[in-house]
Protein backbone atom coordinates (compact mmCIF):
# COMPACT_ATOMS: atom_id res chain seq x y z
CA UNK A 1 44.93 -35.31 -22.78
CA UNK A 2 41.26 -36.24 -23.46
CA UNK A 3 40.63 -36.30 -19.69
CA UNK A 4 42.01 -32.70 -19.34
CA UNK A 5 39.97 -31.50 -22.30
CA UNK A 6 36.78 -32.98 -20.71
CA UNK A 7 37.66 -31.32 -17.42
CA UNK A 8 38.18 -27.98 -19.06
CA UNK A 9 34.84 -28.22 -20.99
CA UNK A 10 33.06 -29.11 -17.89
CA UNK A 11 34.74 -26.32 -15.93
CA UNK A 12 33.78 -23.90 -18.69
CA UNK A 13 30.13 -24.96 -18.50
CA UNK A 14 30.25 -24.57 -14.70
CA UNK A 15 31.78 -20.99 -15.03
CA UNK A 16 29.07 -20.13 -17.59
CA UNK A 17 26.40 -21.42 -15.22
CA UNK A 18 27.91 -19.39 -12.39
CA UNK A 19 27.88 -16.23 -14.48
CA UNK A 20 24.21 -16.81 -15.23
CA UNK A 21 23.45 -17.32 -11.55
CA UNK A 22 25.43 -14.17 -10.72
CA UNK A 23 23.42 -12.12 -13.28
CA UNK A 24 20.21 -13.62 -12.02
CA UNK A 25 21.11 -12.75 -8.41
CA UNK A 26 21.95 -9.20 -9.38
CA UNK A 27 18.70 -8.89 -11.35
CA UNK A 28 16.71 -10.21 -8.41
CA UNK A 29 18.44 -7.78 -6.11
CA UNK A 30 17.64 -4.83 -8.38
CA UNK A 31 14.07 -5.90 -8.87
CA UNK A 32 13.62 -6.20 -5.09
CA UNK A 33 15.13 -2.76 -4.59
CA UNK A 34 12.78 -1.27 -7.21
CA UNK A 35 9.81 -3.00 -5.70
CA UNK A 36 10.82 -1.83 -2.14
CA UNK A 37 11.29 1.78 -3.37
CA UNK A 38 7.96 1.84 -5.11
CA UNK A 39 6.09 0.44 -2.11
CA UNK A 40 8.02 2.84 0.17
CA UNK A 41 7.13 5.80 -2.11
CA UNK A 42 3.42 5.14 -2.04
CA UNK A 43 3.38 4.26 1.71
CA UNK A 44 5.26 7.45 2.49
CA UNK A 45 3.03 9.45 0.18
CA UNK A 46 -0.08 8.07 1.90
CA UNK A 47 1.52 8.76 5.34
CA UNK A 48 2.29 12.38 4.37
CA UNK A 49 -1.20 12.85 2.98
CA UNK A 50 -2.72 11.41 6.18
CA UNK A 51 -0.44 13.66 8.15
CA UNK A 52 -1.66 16.65 6.10
CA UNK A 53 -5.21 15.55 6.63
CA UNK A 54 -4.69 15.39 10.37
CA UNK A 55 -2.98 18.74 10.39
CA UNK A 56 -5.81 20.34 8.35
CA UNK A 57 -8.51 18.68 10.39
CA UNK A 58 -6.87 20.02 13.62
CA UNK A 59 -6.76 23.46 12.13
CA UNK A 60 -10.33 23.12 10.95
CA UNK A 61 -11.42 22.18 14.41
CA UNK A 62 -9.62 25.23 15.86
CA UNK A 63 -11.26 27.49 13.26
CA UNK A 64 -14.65 25.91 13.81
CA UNK A 65 -14.43 26.59 17.56
CA UNK A 66 -13.23 30.10 16.99
CA UNK A 67 -15.94 30.79 14.40
CA UNK A 68 -18.70 29.55 16.80
CA UNK A 69 -17.23 31.68 19.53
CA UNK A 70 -17.10 34.68 17.28
CA UNK A 71 -20.51 34.08 15.78
CA UNK A 72 -22.16 33.68 19.17
CA UNK A 73 -20.41 36.74 20.37
CA UNK A 74 -21.65 38.69 17.22
CA UNK A 75 -25.14 37.28 17.88
CA UNK A 76 -25.10 38.61 21.45
CA UNK A 77 -23.71 41.92 20.21
CA UNK A 78 -26.41 42.21 17.56
CA UNK A 79 -29.15 41.42 20.20
CA UNK A 80 -27.69 44.12 22.37
CA UNK A 81 -27.78 46.53 19.48
CA UNK A 82 -31.44 45.57 18.89
CA UNK A 83 -32.34 46.39 22.50
CA UNK A 84 -30.64 49.73 22.15
CA UNK A 85 -32.63 50.38 19.03
CA UNK A 86 -35.86 49.56 20.83
CA UNK A 87 -34.80 51.97 23.62
CA UNK A 88 -33.98 54.59 20.97
CA UNK A 89 -37.40 53.97 19.37
CA UNK A 90 -39.24 54.55 22.62
CA UNK A 91 -37.17 57.71 23.26
CA UNK A 92 -37.96 58.96 19.76
CA UNK A 93 -41.67 58.36 20.11
CA UNK A 94 -41.83 60.31 23.39
CA UNK A 95 -39.95 63.20 21.86
CA UNK A 96 -42.18 63.49 18.80
CA UNK A 97 -45.82 64.29 18.16
CA UNK A 98 -47.94 61.08 17.90
CA UNK A 99 -49.26 62.30 14.48
CA UNK A 100 -46.74 61.80 11.73
CA UNK A 101 -48.05 64.78 9.93
CA UNK A 102 -46.79 67.05 12.79
CA UNK A 103 -43.27 65.64 12.73
CA UNK A 104 -40.55 67.32 10.70
CA UNK A 105 -37.42 65.80 9.06
CA UNK A 106 -35.42 68.38 10.96
CA UNK A 107 -36.66 67.05 14.27
CA UNK A 108 -35.54 63.51 13.20
CA UNK A 109 -32.08 64.83 12.30
CA UNK A 110 -31.79 66.37 15.73
CA UNK A 111 -32.90 63.21 17.48
CA UNK A 112 -30.58 61.13 15.34
CA UNK A 113 -27.58 63.17 16.46
CA UNK A 114 -28.67 63.08 20.10
CA UNK A 115 -29.20 59.38 20.16
CA UNK A 116 -26.02 58.67 18.11
CA UNK A 117 -27.78 56.76 15.41
CA UNK A 118 -27.19 56.59 11.64
CA UNK A 119 -30.72 57.70 10.76
CA UNK A 120 -34.31 57.70 12.00
CA UNK A 121 -37.25 56.98 9.63
CA UNK A 122 -40.98 57.02 10.34
CA UNK A 123 -43.19 54.54 8.38
CA UNK A 124 -46.78 55.55 7.54
CA UNK A 125 -49.45 53.06 6.69
CA UNK A 126 -51.62 53.86 3.64
CA UNK A 127 -54.58 51.84 2.23
CA UNK A 128 -52.40 49.82 -0.19
CA UNK A 129 -48.80 50.47 0.99
CA UNK A 130 -46.47 51.30 3.81
CA UNK A 131 -44.14 54.09 2.86
CA UNK A 132 -41.05 55.78 4.39
CA UNK A 133 -42.81 59.01 5.17
CA UNK A 134 -40.45 61.04 7.24
CA UNK A 135 -36.60 60.53 7.66
CA UNK A 136 -33.40 62.09 8.64
CA UNK A 137 -32.03 60.67 5.45
CA UNK A 138 -33.58 62.52 2.49
CA UNK A 139 -32.90 59.60 0.09
CA UNK A 140 -35.51 57.65 2.09
CA UNK A 141 -38.50 59.88 1.64
CA UNK A 142 -41.43 58.47 -0.20
CA UNK A 143 -40.00 55.03 -0.72
CA UNK A 144 -42.46 52.21 -0.95
CA UNK A 145 -41.94 48.94 1.01
CA UNK A 146 -44.61 46.91 -0.70
CA UNK A 147 -41.96 44.89 -2.56
CA UNK A 148 -39.85 44.22 0.54
CA UNK A 149 -40.96 40.73 1.22
CA UNK A 150 -41.16 39.48 3.98
CA UNK A 151 -40.31 42.84 5.62
CA UNK A 152 -43.63 44.31 4.33
CA UNK A 153 -45.53 41.49 6.10
CA UNK A 154 -43.73 42.28 9.39
CA UNK A 155 -44.64 46.02 9.06
CA UNK A 156 -48.35 45.13 8.79
CA UNK A 157 -48.24 42.77 11.72
CA UNK A 158 -46.69 45.57 13.86
CA UNK A 159 -49.38 48.07 12.76
CA UNK A 160 -52.00 45.42 13.64
CA UNK A 161 -50.41 45.01 17.15
CA UNK A 162 -49.67 41.47 16.40
CA UNK A 163 -46.48 39.43 17.05
CA UNK A 164 -44.20 39.31 14.05
CA UNK A 165 -44.29 35.74 12.63
CA UNK A 166 -42.42 36.01 9.36
CA UNK A 167 -40.00 33.17 8.60
CA UNK A 168 -37.25 35.63 8.17
CA UNK A 169 -34.90 35.54 11.09
CA UNK A 170 -34.89 38.48 13.52
CA UNK A 171 -35.12 39.64 17.08
CA UNK A 172 -38.58 39.89 18.64
CA UNK A 173 -39.32 42.08 21.70
CA UNK A 174 -42.47 43.72 22.97
CA UNK A 175 -43.94 45.86 20.15
CA UNK A 176 -40.64 45.55 18.41
CA UNK A 177 -38.93 43.57 15.63
CA UNK A 178 -35.38 43.86 14.28
CA UNK A 179 -33.72 42.05 11.47
CA UNK A 180 -30.00 41.27 11.04
CA UNK A 181 -27.48 43.62 9.52
CA UNK A 182 -28.50 43.76 5.92
CA UNK A 183 -27.83 45.59 2.64
CA UNK A 184 -30.08 48.63 2.36
CA UNK A 185 -32.91 48.35 -0.20
CA UNK A 186 -32.72 52.10 -0.93
CA UNK A 187 -28.95 52.30 -1.08
CA UNK A 188 -27.27 48.98 -1.95
CA UNK A 189 -23.85 50.34 -1.06
CA UNK A 190 -24.82 50.59 2.68
CA UNK A 191 -25.33 47.89 5.37
CA UNK A 192 -27.51 48.71 8.35
CA UNK A 193 -29.35 47.08 11.16
CA UNK A 194 -32.89 48.47 11.48
CA UNK A 195 -35.30 48.38 14.43
CA UNK A 196 -39.13 48.77 14.09
CA UNK A 197 -41.28 49.87 17.01
CA UNK A 198 -45.08 50.43 17.23
CA UNK A 199 -47.16 50.26 20.34
CA UNK A 200 -50.30 52.01 19.10
CA UNK A 201 -49.51 55.35 20.83
CA UNK A 202 -48.73 56.97 17.47
CA UNK A 203 -49.74 56.48 13.84
CA UNK A 204 -46.34 55.60 12.60
CA UNK A 205 -43.57 52.92 13.04
CA UNK A 206 -40.43 54.37 14.53
CA UNK A 207 -37.41 52.98 12.49
CA UNK A 208 -33.97 53.89 14.00
CA UNK A 209 -31.04 52.14 12.43
CA UNK A 210 -27.21 51.98 12.77
CA UNK A 211 -24.33 51.29 10.40
CA UNK A 212 -22.53 47.94 10.01
CA UNK A 213 -19.35 49.70 11.15
CA UNK A 214 -20.25 48.89 14.81
CA UNK A 215 -20.35 45.12 14.20
CA UNK A 216 -17.38 45.34 11.75
CA UNK A 217 -15.19 46.88 14.40
CA UNK A 218 -16.29 44.25 16.86
CA UNK A 219 -15.50 41.39 14.47
CA UNK A 220 -12.14 42.83 13.57
CA UNK A 221 -11.21 42.92 17.24
CA UNK A 222 -12.57 39.56 18.24
CA UNK A 223 -13.68 37.77 15.04
CA UNK A 224 -12.61 35.04 12.69
CA UNK A 225 -11.11 37.11 9.90
CA UNK A 226 -8.05 37.95 11.95
CA UNK A 227 -7.57 34.37 12.93
CA UNK A 228 -7.88 33.22 9.33
CA UNK A 229 -5.32 35.75 8.27
CA UNK A 230 -2.87 34.66 10.94
CA UNK A 231 -3.46 30.93 10.23
CA UNK A 232 -2.69 31.41 6.56
CA UNK A 233 0.30 33.59 7.33
CA UNK A 234 1.91 31.11 9.75
CA UNK A 235 1.22 27.92 7.86
CA UNK A 236 3.47 27.56 4.76
CA UNK A 237 1.28 24.90 3.26
CA UNK A 238 -2.08 26.60 3.93
CA UNK A 239 -3.18 28.80 1.00
CA UNK A 240 -6.83 29.75 1.74
CA UNK A 241 -9.73 29.36 4.23
CA UNK A 242 -13.36 29.94 3.46
CA UNK A 243 -16.57 29.47 5.41
CA UNK A 244 -19.26 28.50 2.85
CA UNK A 245 -22.98 28.82 3.06
CA UNK A 246 -23.85 25.56 1.23
CA UNK A 247 -27.44 26.69 0.47
CA UNK A 248 -26.28 29.92 -1.25
CA UNK A 249 -23.02 28.70 -2.83
CA UNK A 250 -21.75 29.79 -5.29
CA UNK A 251 -23.87 32.86 -6.28
CA UNK A 252 -25.67 33.89 -3.14
CA UNK A 253 -29.16 35.49 -3.03
CA UNK A 254 -30.13 38.73 -4.68
CA UNK A 255 -33.22 40.88 -4.85
CA UNK A 256 -33.84 43.12 -7.92
CA UNK A 257 -36.01 46.13 -7.11
CA UNK A 258 -38.43 47.79 -9.50
CA UNK A 259 -35.96 50.61 -9.99
CA UNK A 260 -33.37 48.15 -11.26
CA UNK A 261 -31.20 48.13 -8.16
CA UNK A 262 -29.63 44.65 -7.22
CA UNK A 263 -29.62 44.03 -3.46
CA UNK A 264 -27.28 41.39 -2.12
CA UNK A 265 -28.35 39.95 1.31
CA UNK A 266 -25.61 40.06 3.95
CA UNK A 267 -26.74 36.93 5.76
CA UNK A 268 -27.13 34.97 2.48
CA UNK A 269 -23.58 35.49 1.22
CA UNK A 270 -22.06 32.32 -0.34
CA UNK A 271 -18.78 33.08 1.52
CA UNK A 272 -19.40 34.70 4.86
CA UNK A 273 -15.79 34.41 6.23
CA UNK A 274 -12.47 34.08 4.46
CA UNK A 275 -11.62 34.05 0.80
CA UNK A 276 -12.54 31.96 -2.18
CA UNK A 277 -9.98 32.40 -4.97
CA UNK A 278 -8.91 28.80 -5.74
CA UNK A 279 -11.99 27.85 -7.67
CA UNK A 280 -12.66 24.49 -9.39
CA UNK A 281 -15.62 23.38 -11.54
CA UNK A 282 -16.12 20.51 -8.96
CA UNK A 283 -16.53 22.80 -5.94
CA UNK A 284 -20.35 23.15 -6.13
CA UNK A 285 -20.80 19.40 -6.26
CA UNK A 286 -18.25 18.77 -3.52
CA UNK A 287 -19.74 21.42 -1.19
CA UNK A 288 -23.22 19.89 -1.67
CA UNK A 289 -21.89 16.40 -1.08
CA UNK A 290 -20.08 17.39 2.15
CA UNK A 291 -23.26 19.26 3.36
CA UNK A 292 -25.71 16.51 2.66
CA UNK A 293 -23.47 13.51 3.68
CA UNK A 294 -21.97 15.15 6.76
CA UNK A 295 -18.71 13.66 5.59
CA UNK A 296 -15.40 15.34 4.72
CA UNK A 297 -14.72 15.51 1.00
CA UNK A 298 -11.27 16.15 -0.63
CA UNK A 299 -9.96 17.14 -4.01
CA UNK A 300 -6.51 17.23 -5.53
CA UNK A 301 -6.30 19.49 -8.58
CA UNK A 302 -4.10 22.10 -10.29
CA UNK A 303 -5.72 25.52 -9.74
CA UNK A 304 -4.18 28.98 -10.44
CA UNK A 305 -0.88 27.32 -11.45
CA UNK A 306 -0.61 25.49 -8.13
CA UNK A 307 -1.10 21.74 -7.23
CA UNK A 308 -3.52 22.12 -4.40
CA UNK A 309 -5.27 19.86 -1.91
CA UNK A 310 -8.78 21.01 -0.97
CA UNK A 311 -10.79 19.79 1.99
CA UNK A 312 -14.59 20.48 2.48
CA UNK A 313 -15.55 19.80 6.10
CA UNK A 314 -19.19 19.98 7.26
CA UNK A 315 -19.63 21.91 10.52
CA UNK A 316 -22.72 21.68 12.76
CA UNK A 317 -24.03 24.93 14.39
CA UNK A 318 -24.76 24.37 18.03
CA UNK A 319 -26.91 27.50 18.46
CA UNK A 320 -28.72 29.04 15.44
CA UNK A 321 -28.69 32.82 15.03
CA UNK A 322 -28.78 35.58 12.47
CA UNK A 323 -25.34 35.11 11.01
CA UNK A 324 -26.10 32.67 8.22
CA UNK A 325 -29.44 31.78 6.55
CA UNK A 326 -30.82 29.92 3.65
CA UNK A 327 -32.70 31.51 0.70
CA UNK A 328 -35.84 31.95 2.83
CA UNK A 329 -34.07 33.62 5.67
CA UNK A 330 -34.22 30.62 7.89
CA UNK A 331 -31.15 30.16 10.18
CA UNK A 332 -28.80 27.37 9.05
CA UNK A 333 -27.91 24.47 11.25
CA UNK A 334 -24.70 23.73 9.50
CA UNK A 335 -22.16 25.08 7.03
CA UNK A 336 -19.03 23.93 5.12
CA UNK A 337 -15.50 24.84 5.97
CA UNK A 338 -12.99 24.91 3.02
CA UNK A 339 -9.29 24.52 3.46
CA UNK A 340 -6.93 24.82 0.58
CA UNK A 341 -3.28 23.62 1.11
CA UNK A 342 -0.27 23.50 -1.21
CA UNK A 343 0.18 19.93 -2.16
CA UNK A 344 3.77 20.63 -3.37
CA UNK A 345 4.66 20.64 0.34
CA UNK A 346 3.92 16.95 0.35
CA UNK A 347 5.98 16.43 -2.77
CA UNK A 348 8.89 18.37 -1.33
CA UNK A 349 8.84 16.24 1.80
CA UNK A 350 8.75 13.16 -0.41
CA UNK A 351 11.75 14.38 -2.42
CA UNK A 352 13.64 15.15 0.74
CA UNK A 353 12.99 11.74 2.25
CA UNK A 354 13.82 10.02 -1.05
CA UNK A 355 17.14 11.91 -1.24
CA UNK A 356 18.08 10.46 2.14
CA UNK A 357 16.61 7.11 1.21
CA UNK A 358 18.56 7.10 -2.03
CA UNK A 359 21.84 7.42 -0.17
CA UNK A 360 20.89 4.63 2.19
CA UNK A 361 19.84 2.47 -0.76
CA UNK A 362 23.05 3.11 -2.57
CA UNK A 363 25.08 2.15 0.44
CA UNK A 364 22.97 -0.93 1.21
CA UNK A 365 22.87 -1.99 -2.48
CA UNK A 366 26.67 -1.75 -2.74
CA UNK A 367 27.07 -3.65 0.47
CA UNK A 368 24.53 -6.27 -0.63
CA UNK A 369 26.24 -6.66 -4.04
CA UNK A 370 29.61 -7.06 -2.27
CA UNK A 371 28.17 -9.73 0.01
CA UNK A 372 26.56 -11.43 -3.01
CA UNK A 373 29.78 -11.21 -4.95
CA UNK A 374 31.81 -12.80 -2.11
CA UNK A 375 29.16 -15.46 -1.58
CA UNK A 376 28.93 -16.32 -5.27
CA UNK A 377 32.77 -16.42 -5.54
CA UNK A 378 32.93 -18.69 -2.51
CA UNK A 379 30.21 -20.87 -4.05
CA UNK A 380 31.96 -20.94 -7.37
CA UNK A 381 35.27 -21.85 -5.81
CA UNK A 382 33.43 -24.60 -3.78
CA UNK A 383 31.80 -25.98 -6.93
CA UNK A 384 34.99 -25.85 -8.88
CA UNK A 385 36.76 -27.76 -6.08
CA UNK A 386 33.91 -30.34 -6.06
CA UNK A 387 34.13 -30.67 -9.83
CA UNK A 388 37.90 -30.99 -9.67
CA UNK A 389 37.71 -33.64 -6.91
CA UNK A 390 35.03 -35.49 -8.84
CA UNK A 391 37.06 -35.31 -12.02
CA UNK A 392 40.15 -36.51 -10.34
CA UNK A 393 38.23 -39.45 -8.78
CA UNK A 394 36.84 -40.14 -12.20
CA UNK A 395 40.22 -40.09 -13.80
CA UNK A 396 41.68 -42.35 -11.02
CA UNK A 397 38.91 -44.85 -11.42
CA UNK A 398 39.23 -44.91 -15.21
CA UNK A 399 43.02 -45.37 -14.81
CA UNK A 400 42.37 -48.29 -12.44
CA UNK A 401 40.05 -49.84 -14.98
CA UNK A 402 42.56 -49.40 -17.78
CA UNK A 403 45.21 -50.69 -15.50
CA UNK A 404 43.23 -53.85 -14.89
CA UNK A 405 42.73 -54.30 -18.63
CA UNK A 406 46.48 -53.83 -19.31
CA UNK A 407 47.25 -56.30 -16.46
CA UNK A 408 45.01 -58.91 -18.12
CA UNK A 409 46.84 -58.41 -21.40
CA UNK A 410 50.14 -58.54 -19.73
CA UNK A 411 49.26 -61.79 -17.94
CA UNK A 412 47.76 -63.33 -21.08
CA UNK A 413 50.93 -65.35 -22.04
CA UNK A 414 51.22 -66.69 -18.49
CA UNK A 415 47.57 -67.77 -18.64
CA UNK A 416 48.14 -69.49 -21.96
CA UNK A 417 51.28 -71.28 -20.70
CA UNK A 418 49.38 -72.46 -17.67
CA UNK A 419 46.51 -73.72 -19.80
CA UNK A 420 49.08 -75.55 -22.04
CA UNK A 421 50.82 -77.20 -19.10
CA UNK A 422 47.60 -78.38 -17.48
CA UNK A 423 46.45 -79.87 -20.81
CA UNK A 424 49.79 -81.75 -21.29
CA UNK A 425 49.44 -83.18 -17.81
CA UNK A 426 45.94 -84.15 -18.52
CA UNK A 427 44.73 -82.27 -15.47
CA UNK A 428 41.31 -81.73 -16.91
CA UNK A 429 39.55 -80.91 -13.66
CA UNK A 430 42.13 -78.31 -12.63
CA UNK A 431 42.14 -76.93 -16.17
CA UNK A 432 38.29 -76.55 -16.08
CA UNK A 433 38.48 -74.73 -12.75
CA UNK A 434 41.27 -72.43 -13.91
CA UNK A 435 39.63 -71.46 -17.18
CA UNK A 436 36.31 -70.92 -15.39
CA UNK A 437 37.90 -68.41 -13.00
CA UNK A 438 39.82 -66.74 -15.92
CA UNK A 439 36.81 -66.38 -18.15
CA UNK A 440 34.71 -64.99 -15.20
CA UNK A 441 37.21 -62.20 -14.57
CA UNK A 442 37.37 -61.34 -18.33
CA UNK A 443 33.57 -61.41 -18.58
CA UNK A 444 33.28 -59.15 -15.60
CA UNK A 445 35.70 -56.65 -17.09
CA UNK A 446 33.86 -56.79 -20.41
CA UNK A 447 30.52 -56.14 -18.63
CA UNK A 448 32.09 -53.17 -16.94
CA UNK A 449 33.43 -51.82 -20.30
CA UNK A 450 30.04 -52.33 -21.98
CA UNK A 451 28.22 -50.19 -19.47
CA UNK A 452 28.30 -47.29 -21.99
CA UNK A 453 29.45 -44.51 -19.72
CA UNK A 454 33.14 -44.31 -18.53
CA UNK A 455 32.34 -42.46 -15.36
CA UNK A 456 29.69 -45.00 -14.30
CA UNK A 457 31.92 -47.85 -15.41
CA UNK A 458 34.76 -46.49 -13.29
CA UNK A 459 32.51 -46.20 -10.23
CA UNK A 460 31.27 -49.80 -10.65
CA UNK A 461 34.89 -50.95 -11.02
CA UNK A 462 35.82 -49.11 -7.84
CA UNK A 463 32.83 -50.61 -6.00
CA UNK A 464 33.68 -54.18 -7.25
CA UNK A 465 37.13 -53.75 -5.80
CA UNK A 466 35.55 -52.54 -2.53
CA UNK A 467 33.20 -55.56 -2.57
CA UNK A 468 36.06 -57.99 -3.07
CA UNK A 469 38.01 -56.52 -0.16
CA UNK A 470 34.98 -57.11 2.11
CA UNK A 471 33.98 -60.44 0.66
CA UNK A 472 30.73 -59.10 -0.73
CA UNK A 473 29.12 -60.89 -3.63
CA UNK A 474 28.42 -57.85 -5.81
CA UNK A 475 26.65 -58.64 -9.13
CA UNK A 476 25.70 -55.77 -11.54
CA UNK A 477 24.06 -55.62 -14.94
CA UNK A 478 23.38 -52.62 -17.17
CA UNK A 479 21.48 -52.41 -20.44
CA UNK A 480 20.89 -49.51 -22.92
CA UNK A 481 22.82 -46.97 -20.81
CA UNK A 482 23.69 -43.92 -22.99
CA UNK A 483 24.16 -40.76 -20.95
CA UNK A 484 24.19 -38.58 -24.12
CA UNK A 485 20.52 -39.28 -24.60
CA UNK A 486 19.60 -38.96 -20.91
CA UNK A 487 18.66 -35.76 -19.14
CA UNK A 488 20.23 -36.70 -15.83
CA UNK A 489 23.83 -35.66 -15.39
CA UNK A 490 26.53 -38.25 -14.95
CA UNK A 491 27.60 -36.68 -11.69
CA UNK A 492 24.13 -36.95 -10.24
CA UNK A 493 23.65 -40.58 -11.48
CA UNK A 494 26.97 -41.53 -9.95
CA UNK A 495 25.90 -39.84 -6.68
CA UNK A 496 22.71 -41.89 -6.67
CA UNK A 497 24.53 -45.17 -7.46
CA UNK A 498 27.30 -44.53 -4.94
CA UNK A 499 24.94 -43.83 -2.08
CA UNK A 500 22.73 -46.80 -2.95
CA UNK A 501 25.71 -49.11 -3.15
CA UNK A 502 27.24 -47.87 0.04
CA UNK A 503 23.95 -48.22 1.85
CA UNK A 504 23.64 -51.89 0.64
CA UNK A 505 27.27 -52.63 1.48
CA UNK A 506 26.82 -51.13 4.98
CA UNK A 507 23.81 -53.36 5.56
CA UNK A 508 25.23 -56.70 4.36
CA UNK A 509 28.44 -56.24 6.33
CA UNK A 510 26.37 -57.04 9.40
CA UNK A 511 25.86 -60.62 8.17
CA UNK A 512 28.13 -63.65 7.62
CA UNK A 513 30.19 -63.93 4.36
CA UNK A 514 27.61 -66.22 2.68
CA UNK A 515 24.85 -63.60 3.19
CA UNK A 516 26.78 -60.67 1.92
CA UNK A 517 25.01 -60.51 -1.49
CA UNK A 518 24.20 -57.26 -3.42
CA UNK A 519 22.57 -57.15 -6.86
CA UNK A 520 22.56 -54.04 -8.97
CA UNK A 521 20.75 -53.54 -12.35
CA UNK A 522 20.50 -50.48 -14.55
CA UNK A 523 18.14 -50.14 -17.49
CA UNK A 524 17.63 -47.19 -19.84
CA UNK A 525 14.75 -46.87 -22.17
CA UNK A 526 13.58 -44.06 -24.41
CA UNK A 527 11.47 -42.58 -21.56
CA UNK A 528 13.31 -43.37 -18.30
CA UNK A 529 16.37 -44.60 -16.48
CA UNK A 530 15.71 -47.24 -13.85
CA UNK A 531 18.36 -48.15 -11.21
CA UNK A 532 17.52 -51.09 -8.88
CA UNK A 533 19.62 -52.52 -6.00
CA UNK A 534 18.71 -55.42 -3.77
CA UNK A 535 20.44 -56.93 -0.69
CA UNK A 536 19.81 -59.08 2.28
CA UNK A 537 18.09 -57.26 5.16
CA UNK A 538 16.71 -58.85 8.25
CA UNK A 539 13.28 -57.52 9.23
CA UNK A 540 12.84 -55.88 5.84
CA UNK A 541 9.06 -55.36 6.26
CA UNK A 542 9.68 -53.32 9.43
CA UNK A 543 12.57 -51.36 7.97
CA UNK A 544 10.61 -50.02 5.03
CA UNK A 545 8.10 -48.41 7.45
CA UNK A 546 10.71 -46.11 8.85
CA UNK A 547 11.64 -42.67 7.38
CA UNK A 548 14.69 -43.95 5.56
CA UNK A 549 14.71 -41.10 3.04
CA UNK A 550 14.63 -38.25 5.57
CA UNK A 551 17.85 -36.32 6.26
CA UNK A 552 19.41 -37.29 9.57
CA UNK A 553 17.62 -40.57 9.96
CA UNK A 554 19.77 -43.73 9.97
CA UNK A 555 19.54 -47.23 11.32
CA UNK A 556 23.25 -46.95 12.10
CA UNK A 557 23.16 -43.94 14.42
CA UNK A 558 26.64 -44.51 15.87
CA UNK A 559 28.40 -44.65 12.53
CA UNK A 560 26.51 -42.60 9.98
CA UNK A 561 24.87 -39.22 9.60
CA UNK A 562 21.80 -40.46 7.78
CA UNK A 563 22.45 -38.39 4.62
CA UNK A 564 23.03 -41.01 1.88
CA UNK A 565 19.39 -41.96 1.09
CA UNK A 566 18.12 -38.40 1.57
CA UNK A 567 20.70 -37.35 -1.09
CA UNK A 568 19.32 -39.93 -3.42
CA UNK A 569 15.77 -38.64 -2.71
CA UNK A 570 16.74 -35.01 -3.34
CA UNK A 571 18.54 -35.73 -6.63
CA UNK A 572 15.59 -37.84 -7.78
CA UNK A 573 13.08 -35.14 -6.90
CA UNK A 574 15.30 -32.59 -8.78
CA UNK A 575 14.62 -34.62 -11.95
CA UNK A 576 11.03 -35.25 -11.05
CA UNK A 577 11.69 -38.96 -10.55
CA UNK A 578 10.54 -41.35 -7.85
CA UNK A 579 12.09 -43.71 -5.25
CA UNK A 580 10.44 -46.92 -4.28
CA UNK A 581 11.36 -49.23 -1.35
CA UNK A 582 9.92 -52.76 -1.20
CA UNK A 583 10.40 -55.71 1.06
CA UNK A 584 10.95 -58.94 -0.92
CA UNK A 585 10.60 -62.57 0.24
CA UNK A 586 13.38 -64.21 2.24
CA UNK A 587 14.49 -60.99 3.99
CA UNK A 588 15.51 -59.05 0.90
CA UNK A 589 15.04 -55.25 0.44
CA UNK A 590 14.92 -53.40 -2.90
CA UNK A 591 15.49 -49.82 -3.71
CA UNK A 592 14.13 -48.65 -7.22
CA UNK A 593 14.99 -45.26 -8.56
CA UNK A 594 13.22 -44.11 -11.76
CA UNK A 595 14.34 -40.84 -13.49
CA UNK A 596 12.42 -39.51 -16.56
CA UNK A 597 14.47 -38.78 -19.52
C-alpha cells in the first residue's frame, strides 16, 4: 500500500511538472509569435515607406525633367518674344518722329494695333527722372520710373548708349534690353513683358510690351501645370506637388510704391509651379535644409486632417534663365521640389498585409500548438512509463531485500540447531567457520538496511546479488546518507550509482576471479554527497587520458554504446557537481562524484 501511495505521489508531482512545462512551452510560443509579429510589422512598415520613397523619387525625377524641359522651352519662347519686341521697337521708331514732342498718343494706339502689341510707351529723359511721356495706355502717362530699381539704372544706361549691366536678369541685344514677364508697376493686376530700345536716332526710348497671356497659353499647352494636375489625379496617394523658390519661400518678394501699391514680382514667387496648401510650421526650416545640404528631407505630420508624408527634394538647374530668381533678380541655380503623399495609403497596405498575416499566424499557431500538445503528451507518457518502470524495479528490489530478511528469520532456528550440534560434537573449528559466514551475511544485510534510503539500498542489494553470480568481491560502505536533506533526486543518484557499478563490473570481469574486486563508498555531509568507486584496471594511467565521459566513447566497442559514464557526467553537471577520475597504485582506477547539496 505504501509503495502504491509513493508511486501516486511521485506520479502527481510528475504530472504537475508536465503541466508547468506545457504552460511554459505555450507561453514561449506566444511570446515568439508576438516578437515575430512586432518585428514583421516594423520591417514591413519600413519596406512600404522605402517603396513610397522610391515611388515619390521616381515621380520627382519625372517632374524635374519635365519642368526643365518646360522651363527651357519657356525661356526660348521668352527670348523669341524679346526679339519680336526689338523688331517692333525698330518699326515703331521708323514710323514716328524722332522728337517725342511731335508724337501723339493716337499714333501709338494705331501702331499698337498694327503691330499686335498690348501697348507702346515712349520714355523721355529729364534732368532728374525718366518718365512715361507718351503711351497708347492713358494710365501710363506721366509716371515716374525713378523708384523702379534696377530698371531705372537700365534706362539710363540705354540713354547713354551703354550696355545694360544691371544684376537683374534680362535679355540683352544691340541697343535693346528686355526683362522677364513681370507684374506691372503701374497696374499690379497686369503681367507684361517689356522691351526697351534706344539707338540715339530719337530722343526717347521705345517701350513696346505684350501681355502674359501669350506665355500662359504656351505653358498650358506644353508646361508643367498640366503634368502636375495629371500626376495628382492618377496617383491615389499623391496629394500635392509644389516647385519652391527656396530664396523667396514662404512670402516671396514685394515692392511698395510711393502711391501705396504693392507689386509682387513674377519671377520671385515662393511657389512658381503647383500648389502649396498642406502647410507645416517646419516647412521653412526643411526647405532651407534641403536647399543648403543638397539632400532630400522628409516629414511625417498630420496636416489639414490628414496624416501626410512630405518630401523636399533639391533640384539643380542645368541652364539658368529668367524663370526663377533670388531677391536681387539673379537667376537661381537650384530649387526645391515638394511632394505631399497620403501616409494612410501605407497604413492601409499594412492593415491589408496584417489581415492576411493574421490568418496565416492563426493557422500556424494552431498547428504549432497541436504539434506541441502531441509532443508533450508523448513526452509525458514516456516519462510516466519511465517512472512506472523505475518504481516497479524499486518495488521488486525492495521486495527482494525483504525476502532476504524474512529468509534469514525463517532459517534462524536451523542455524541455532546447527550451532548447537557443532558445539555438542566439540567441532570448534567448524563452528567458528560456520558462525563467521553466518555473521558476515547478517552484517551485510544490516549494512544494506542502514544505508538510509530504501531505493538505494534496493539497488545495492541487487548489485550484490549480481556480483555474487559473477564471483565479484563487491564491498560497499555508506555513511550519513539522508535523501530528504539532499537536493539530488533518488532516481538520479541511483542512475549515477548504477552506471558506475556496471562500468566497474564490466571492467573486472576481464580478469581472473581473485582480481574481481570492486569497492564502493558513499558519504553525505551538510554540504555535499560524495560517491567513490574503485576497481582493478590494467594500464589505469593510460585509460584516464581517454575521453571516458564523452557520449559514444567506450573501451568495449563491440559490446557497449559508450553511454554509461556520459550519463553520469550529464547528471552531475545538472546538479553543478564534478566527476574526477584518478589512477591509483597497483593498477587501480577510482571514479569520484561530488554533488553539492
